[in-house]
Amino acid sequence: MKKKSYVFWGYIFMFAVAINGALIIRIFNLNFLYILSLYIILFILGLICLFLLFKSKN
Protein backbone atom coordinates (compact mmCIF):
# COMPACT_ATOMS: atom_id res chain seq x y z
CA MET A 1 0.00 0.00 0.00
CA LYS A 2 2.77 2.45 0.86
CA LYS A 3 4.59 1.89 -2.44
CA LYS A 4 1.37 2.52 -4.36
CA SER A 5 0.91 5.83 -2.55
CA TYR A 6 4.46 6.87 -3.52
CA VAL A 7 3.72 6.05 -7.16
CA PHE A 8 0.47 8.02 -6.89
CA TRP A 9 2.26 11.10 -5.51
CA GLY A 10 4.91 10.70 -8.21
CA TYR A 11 2.23 10.85 -10.89
CA ILE A 12 0.68 13.91 -9.24
CA PHE A 13 4.13 15.57 -9.18
CA MET A 14 4.68 14.87 -12.90
CA PHE A 15 1.18 16.19 -13.71
CA ALA A 16 1.87 19.41 -11.76
CA VAL A 17 5.20 19.84 -13.57
CA ALA A 18 3.42 19.41 -16.92
CA ILE A 19 0.80 22.04 -16.03
CA ASN A 20 3.47 24.48 -14.84
CA GLY A 21 5.50 23.89 -18.00
CA ALA A 22 2.47 24.59 -20.19
CA LEU A 23 1.80 27.83 -18.30
CA ILE A 24 5.46 28.88 -18.64
CA ILE A 25 5.35 28.21 -22.40
CA ARG A 26 2.15 30.28 -22.72
CA ILE A 27 3.50 33.20 -20.71
CA PHE A 28 7.06 33.50 -22.03
CA ASN A 29 6.85 31.87 -25.51
CA LEU A 30 10.18 30.16 -24.89
CA ASN A 31 12.14 28.00 -27.29
CA PHE A 32 11.02 24.35 -27.54
CA LEU A 33 14.52 22.92 -27.04
CA TYR A 34 14.99 25.04 -23.92
CA ILE A 35 11.70 23.73 -22.50
CA LEU A 36 12.65 20.14 -23.41
CA SER A 37 16.02 20.39 -21.65
CA LEU A 38 14.30 21.91 -18.60
CA TYR A 39 11.84 18.98 -18.56
CA ILE A 40 14.67 16.43 -18.77
CA ILE A 41 16.45 18.08 -15.82
CA LEU A 42 13.22 18.15 -13.78
CA PHE A 43 12.50 14.51 -14.67
CA ILE A 44 15.98 13.41 -13.53
CA LEU A 45 15.61 15.38 -10.29
CA GLY A 46 12.21 13.80 -9.70
CA LEU A 47 13.64 10.31 -10.24
CA ILE A 48 16.49 11.03 -7.80
CA CYS A 49 14.02 12.29 -5.18
CA LEU A 50 11.80 9.21 -5.60
CA PHE A 51 14.84 6.93 -5.36
CA LEU A 52 15.96 8.63 -2.14
CA LEU A 53 12.43 8.30 -0.73
CA PHE A 54 12.37 4.57 -1.50
CA LYS A 55 15.86 4.11 -0.05
CA SER A 56 15.05 5.96 3.17
CA LYS A 57 11.81 4.02 3.73
CA ASN A 58 13.30 0.57 2.99
PDB file of N, CA and C in Angstrom:
ATOM      1  N   MET A   1       0.817  -1.203   0.000  1.00  0.00           N
ATOM      2  CA  MET A   1       0.000   0.000   0.000  1.00  0.00           C
ATOM      3  C   MET A   1       0.855   1.259   0.000  1.00  0.00           C
ATOM      4  N   LYS A   2       1.935   1.249   0.778  1.00  0.00           N
ATOM      5  CA  LYS A   2       2.770   2.449   0.858  1.00  0.00           C
ATOM      6  C   LYS A   2       3.454   2.731  -0.477  1.00  0.00           C
ATOM      7  N   LYS A   3       3.921   1.671  -1.158  1.00  0.00           N
ATOM      8  CA  LYS A   3       4.587   1.891  -2.437  1.00  0.00           C
ATOM      9  C   LYS A   3       3.616   2.453  -3.465  1.00  0.00           C
ATOM     10  N   LYS A   4       2.362   1.987  -3.430  1.00  0.00           N
ATOM     11  CA  LYS A   4       1.370   2.523  -4.359  1.00  0.00           C
ATOM     12  C   LYS A   4       1.131   4.008  -4.102  1.00  0.00           C
ATOM     13  N   SER A   5       1.125   4.419  -2.844  1.00  0.00           N
ATOM     14  CA  SER A   5       0.913   5.833  -2.548  1.00  0.00           C
ATOM     15  C   SER A   5       2.087   6.673  -3.062  1.00  0.00           C
ATOM     16  N   TYR A   6       3.315   6.130  -2.979  1.00  0.00           N
ATOM     17  CA  TYR A   6       4.458   6.869  -3.523  1.00  0.00           C
ATOM     18  C   TYR A   6       4.336   7.024  -5.032  1.00  0.00           C
ATOM     19  N   VAL A   7       3.902   5.961  -5.708  1.00  0.00           N
ATOM     20  CA  VAL A   7       3.716   6.052  -7.159  1.00  0.00           C
ATOM     21  C   VAL A   7       2.632   7.077  -7.485  1.00  0.00           C
ATOM     22  N   PHE A   8       1.564   7.073  -6.693  1.00  0.00           N
ATOM     23  CA  PHE A   8       0.467   8.024  -6.889  1.00  0.00           C
ATOM     24  C   PHE A   8       0.961   9.459  -6.752  1.00  0.00           C
ATOM     25  N   TRP A   9       1.733   9.742  -5.697  1.00  0.00           N
ATOM     26  CA  TRP A   9       2.259  11.097  -5.510  1.00  0.00           C
ATOM     27  C   TRP A   9       3.259  11.449  -6.605  1.00  0.00           C
ATOM     28  N   GLY A  10       4.000  10.452  -7.099  1.00  0.00           N
ATOM     29  CA  GLY A  10       4.913  10.698  -8.213  1.00  0.00           C
ATOM     30  C   GLY A  10       4.167  11.136  -9.458  1.00  0.00           C
ATOM     31  N   TYR A  11       3.036  10.454  -9.738  1.00  0.00           N
ATOM     32  CA  TYR A  11       2.233  10.848 -10.892  1.00  0.00           C
ATOM     33  C   TYR A  11       1.651  12.245 -10.706  1.00  0.00           C
ATOM     34  N   ILE A  12       1.208  12.565  -9.506  1.00  0.00           N
ATOM     35  CA  ILE A  12       0.681  13.911  -9.239  1.00  0.00           C
ATOM     36  C   ILE A  12       1.772  14.961  -9.453  1.00  0.00           C
ATOM     37  N   PHE A  13       3.009  14.649  -9.000  1.00  0.00           N
ATOM     38  CA  PHE A  13       4.130  15.567  -9.180  1.00  0.00           C
ATOM     39  C   PHE A  13       4.401  15.808 -10.660  1.00  0.00           C
ATOM     40  N   MET A  14       4.423  14.723 -11.463  1.00  0.00           N
ATOM     41  CA  MET A  14       4.680  14.871 -12.899  1.00  0.00           C
ATOM     42  C   MET A  14       3.558  15.673 -13.568  1.00  0.00           C
ATOM     43  N   PHE A  15       2.317  15.455 -13.146  1.00  0.00           N
ATOM     44  CA  PHE A  15       1.184  16.191 -13.705  1.00  0.00           C
ATOM     45  C   PHE A  15       1.303  17.683 -13.393  1.00  0.00           C
ATOM     46  N   ALA A  16       1.695  18.002 -12.153  1.00  0.00           N
ATOM     47  CA  ALA A  16       1.867  19.408 -11.765  1.00  0.00           C
ATOM     48  C   ALA A  16       2.997  20.052 -12.557  1.00  0.00           C
ATOM     49  N   VAL A  17       4.088  19.309 -12.771  1.00  0.00           N
ATOM     50  CA  VAL A  17       5.198  19.835 -13.567  1.00  0.00           C
ATOM     51  C   VAL A  17       4.741  20.106 -14.995  1.00  0.00           C
ATOM     52  N   ALA A  18       3.917  19.214 -15.549  1.00  0.00           N
ATOM     53  CA  ALA A  18       3.423  19.406 -16.918  1.00  0.00           C
ATOM     54  C   ALA A  18       2.542  20.653 -17.007  1.00  0.00           C
ATOM     55  N   ILE A  19       1.666  20.851 -16.024  1.00  0.00           N
ATOM     56  CA  ILE A  19       0.798  22.040 -16.026  1.00  0.00           C
ATOM     57  C   ILE A  19       1.633  23.311 -15.904  1.00  0.00           C
ATOM     58  N   ASN A  20       2.618  23.301 -15.003  1.00  0.00           N
ATOM     59  CA  ASN A  20       3.471  24.482 -14.836  1.00  0.00           C
ATOM     60  C   ASN A  20       4.268  24.761 -16.102  1.00  0.00           C
ATOM     61  N   GLY A  21       4.760  23.708 -16.751  1.00  0.00           N
ATOM     62  CA  GLY A  21       5.503  23.887 -17.998  1.00  0.00           C
ATOM     63  C   GLY A  21       4.629  24.498 -19.084  1.00  0.00           C
ATOM     64  N   ALA A  22       3.384  24.036 -19.184  1.00  0.00           N
ATOM     65  CA  ALA A  22       2.469  24.589 -20.188  1.00  0.00           C
ATOM     66  C   ALA A  22       2.204  26.068 -19.915  1.00  0.00           C
ATOM     67  N   LEU A  23       2.024  26.425 -18.642  1.00  0.00           N
ATOM     68  CA  LEU A  23       1.803  27.833 -18.300  1.00  0.00           C
ATOM     69  C   LEU A  23       3.029  28.677 -18.629  1.00  0.00           C
ATOM     70  N   ILE A  24       4.230  28.135 -18.343  1.00  0.00           N
ATOM     71  CA  ILE A  24       5.458  28.879 -18.640  1.00  0.00           C
ATOM     72  C   ILE A  24       5.589  29.100 -20.142  1.00  0.00           C
ATOM     73  N   ILE A  25       5.271  28.061 -20.950  1.00  0.00           N
ATOM     74  CA  ILE A  25       5.352  28.208 -22.404  1.00  0.00           C
ATOM     75  C   ILE A  25       4.373  29.285 -22.873  1.00  0.00           C
ATOM     76  N   ARG A  26       3.155  29.285 -22.325  1.00  0.00           N
ATOM     77  CA  ARG A  26       2.151  30.284 -22.720  1.00  0.00           C
ATOM     78  C   ARG A  26       2.604  31.697 -22.361  1.00  0.00           C
ATOM     79  N   ILE A  27       3.173  31.857 -21.176  1.00  0.00           N
ATOM     80  CA  ILE A  27       3.503  33.204 -20.709  1.00  0.00           C
ATOM     81  C   ILE A  27       4.723  33.765 -21.441  1.00  0.00           C
ATOM     82  N   PHE A  28       5.795  32.956 -21.533  1.00  0.00           N
ATOM     83  CA  PHE A  28       7.057  33.500 -22.026  1.00  0.00           C
ATOM     84  C   PHE A  28       7.345  33.199 -23.488  1.00  0.00           C
ATOM     85  N   ASN A  29       6.588  32.277 -24.124  1.00  0.00           N
ATOM     86  CA  ASN A  29       6.848  31.865 -25.509  1.00  0.00           C
ATOM     87  C   ASN A  29       8.311  31.464 -25.701  1.00  0.00           C
ATOM     88  N   LEU A  30       8.773  30.557 -24.848  1.00  0.00           N
ATOM     89  CA  LEU A  30      10.177  30.160 -24.887  1.00  0.00           C
ATOM     90  C   LEU A  30      10.432  29.144 -25.994  1.00  0.00           C
ATOM     91  N   ASN A  31      11.725  28.943 -26.255  1.00  0.00           N
ATOM     92  CA  ASN A  31      12.144  28.003 -27.287  1.00  0.00           C
ATOM     93  C   ASN A  31      11.810  26.574 -26.864  1.00  0.00           C
ATOM     94  N   PHE A  32      11.436  25.731 -27.841  1.00  0.00           N
ATOM     95  CA  PHE A  32      11.023  24.355 -27.540  1.00  0.00           C
ATOM     96  C   PHE A  32      12.175  23.535 -26.978  1.00  0.00           C
ATOM     97  N   LEU A  33      13.371  23.699 -27.528  1.00  0.00           N
ATOM     98  CA  LEU A  33      14.518  22.924 -27.038  1.00  0.00           C
ATOM     99  C   LEU A  33      14.870  23.313 -25.608  1.00  0.00           C
ATOM    100  N   TYR A  34      14.730  24.589 -25.292  1.00  0.00           N
ATOM    101  CA  TYR A  34      14.986  25.039 -23.922  1.00  0.00           C
ATOM    102  C   TYR A  34      14.005  24.384 -22.955  1.00  0.00           C
ATOM    103  N   ILE A  35      12.728  24.359 -23.334  1.00  0.00           N
ATOM    104  CA  ILE A  35      11.701  23.726 -22.502  1.00  0.00           C
ATOM    105  C   ILE A  35      11.989  22.236 -22.354  1.00  0.00           C
ATOM    106  N   LEU A  36      12.390  21.583 -23.456  1.00  0.00           N
ATOM    107  CA  LEU A  36      12.654  20.144 -23.414  1.00  0.00           C
ATOM    108  C   LEU A  36      13.809  19.830 -22.478  1.00  0.00           C
ATOM    109  N   SER A  37      14.881  20.628 -22.538  1.00  0.00           N
ATOM    110  CA  SER A  37      16.019  20.393 -21.647  1.00  0.00           C
ATOM    111  C   SER A  37      15.623  20.631 -20.192  1.00  0.00           C
ATOM    112  N   LEU A  38      14.781  21.640 -19.953  1.00  0.00           N
ATOM    113  CA  LEU A  38      14.299  21.905 -18.598  1.00  0.00           C
ATOM    114  C   LEU A  38      13.480  20.728 -18.072  1.00  0.00           C
ATOM    115  N   TYR A  39      12.629  20.144 -18.954  1.00  0.00           N
ATOM    116  CA  TYR A  39      11.844  18.978 -18.556  1.00  0.00           C
ATOM    117  C   TYR A  39      12.729  17.793 -18.226  1.00  0.00           C
ATOM    118  N   ILE A  40      13.776  17.565 -19.032  1.00  0.00           N
ATOM    119  CA  ILE A  40      14.669  16.431 -18.772  1.00  0.00           C
ATOM    120  C   ILE A  40      15.356  16.606 -17.422  1.00  0.00           C
ATOM    121  N   ILE A  41      15.808  17.825 -17.118  1.00  0.00           N
ATOM    122  CA  ILE A  41      16.455  18.082 -15.824  1.00  0.00           C
ATOM    123  C   ILE A  41      15.472  17.847 -14.681  1.00  0.00           C
ATOM    124  N   LEU A  42      14.235  18.351 -14.821  1.00  0.00           N
ATOM    125  CA  LEU A  42      13.224  18.154 -13.777  1.00  0.00           C
ATOM    126  C   LEU A  42      12.879  16.680 -13.610  1.00  0.00           C
ATOM    127  N   PHE A  43      12.820  15.939 -14.735  1.00  0.00           N
ATOM    128  CA  PHE A  43      12.498  14.514 -14.665  1.00  0.00           C
ATOM    129  C   PHE A  43      13.587  13.753 -13.925  1.00  0.00           C
ATOM    130  N   ILE A  44      14.867  14.079 -14.218  1.00  0.00           N
ATOM    131  CA  ILE A  44      15.981  13.407 -13.534  1.00  0.00           C
ATOM    132  C   ILE A  44      15.961  13.740 -12.048  1.00  0.00           C
ATOM    133  N   LEU A  45      15.700  15.001 -11.706  1.00  0.00           N
ATOM    134  CA  LEU A  45      15.615  15.382 -10.290  1.00  0.00           C
ATOM    135  C   LEU A  45      14.470  14.658  -9.588  1.00  0.00           C
ATOM    136  N   GLY A  46      13.331  14.519 -10.279  1.00  0.00           N
ATOM    137  CA  GLY A  46      12.206  13.796  -9.703  1.00  0.00           C
ATOM    138  C   GLY A  46      12.537  12.336  -9.461  1.00  0.00           C
ATOM    139  N   LEU A  47      13.250  11.706 -10.416  1.00  0.00           N
ATOM    140  CA  LEU A  47      13.645  10.306 -10.237  1.00  0.00           C
ATOM    141  C   LEU A  47      14.596  10.155  -9.063  1.00  0.00           C
ATOM    142  N   ILE A  48      15.542  11.091  -8.924  1.00  0.00           N
ATOM    143  CA  ILE A  48      16.488  11.027  -7.804  1.00  0.00           C
ATOM    144  C   ILE A  48      15.745  11.171  -6.482  1.00  0.00           C
ATOM    145  N   CYS A  49      14.786  12.103  -6.420  1.00  0.00           N
ATOM    146  CA  CYS A  49      14.019  12.289  -5.183  1.00  0.00           C
ATOM    147  C   CYS A  49      13.206  11.045  -4.842  1.00  0.00           C
ATOM    148  N   LEU A  50      12.568  10.429  -5.853  1.00  0.00           N
ATOM    149  CA  LEU A  50      11.795   9.210  -5.598  1.00  0.00           C
ATOM    150  C   LEU A  50      12.708   8.079  -5.142  1.00  0.00           C
ATOM    151  N   PHE A  51      13.900   7.976  -5.754  1.00  0.00           N
ATOM    152  CA  PHE A  51      14.844   6.932  -5.359  1.00  0.00           C
ATOM    153  C   PHE A  51      15.280   7.116  -3.909  1.00  0.00           C
ATOM    154  N   LEU A  52      15.559   8.365  -3.527  1.00  0.00           N
ATOM    155  CA  LEU A  52      15.958   8.629  -2.143  1.00  0.00           C
ATOM    156  C   LEU A  52      14.822   8.324  -1.172  1.00  0.00           C
ATOM    157  N   LEU A  53      13.579   8.624  -1.580  1.00  0.00           N
ATOM    158  CA  LEU A  53      12.431   8.295  -0.732  1.00  0.00           C
ATOM    159  C   LEU A  53      12.320   6.792  -0.526  1.00  0.00           C
ATOM    160  N   PHE A  54      12.451   6.028  -1.621  1.00  0.00           N
ATOM    161  CA  PHE A  54      12.369   4.571  -1.503  1.00  0.00           C
ATOM    162  C   PHE A  54      13.498   4.038  -0.631  1.00  0.00           C
ATOM    163  N   LYS A  55      14.697   4.599  -0.803  1.00  0.00           N
ATOM    164  CA  LYS A  55      15.857   4.106  -0.054  1.00  0.00           C
ATOM    165  C   LYS A  55      15.711   4.416   1.435  1.00  0.00           C
ATOM    166  N   SER A  56      15.185   5.591   1.759  1.00  0.00           N
ATOM    167  CA  SER A  56      15.052   5.955   3.174  1.00  0.00           C
ATOM    168  C   SER A  56      13.950   5.140   3.856  1.00  0.00           C
ATOM    169  N   LYS A  57      12.900   4.784   3.127  1.00  0.00           N
ATOM    170  CA  LYS A  57      11.805   4.018   3.727  1.00  0.00           C
ATOM    171  C   LYS A  57      12.174   2.545   3.879  1.00  0.00           C
ATOM    172  N   ASN A  58      12.942   2.003   2.930  1.00  0.00           N
ATOM    173  CA  ASN A  58      13.297   0.573   2.988  1.00  0.00           C
ATOM    174  C   ASN A  58      14.580   0.355   3.678  1.00  0.00           C
TER     175      ASN A  58
END
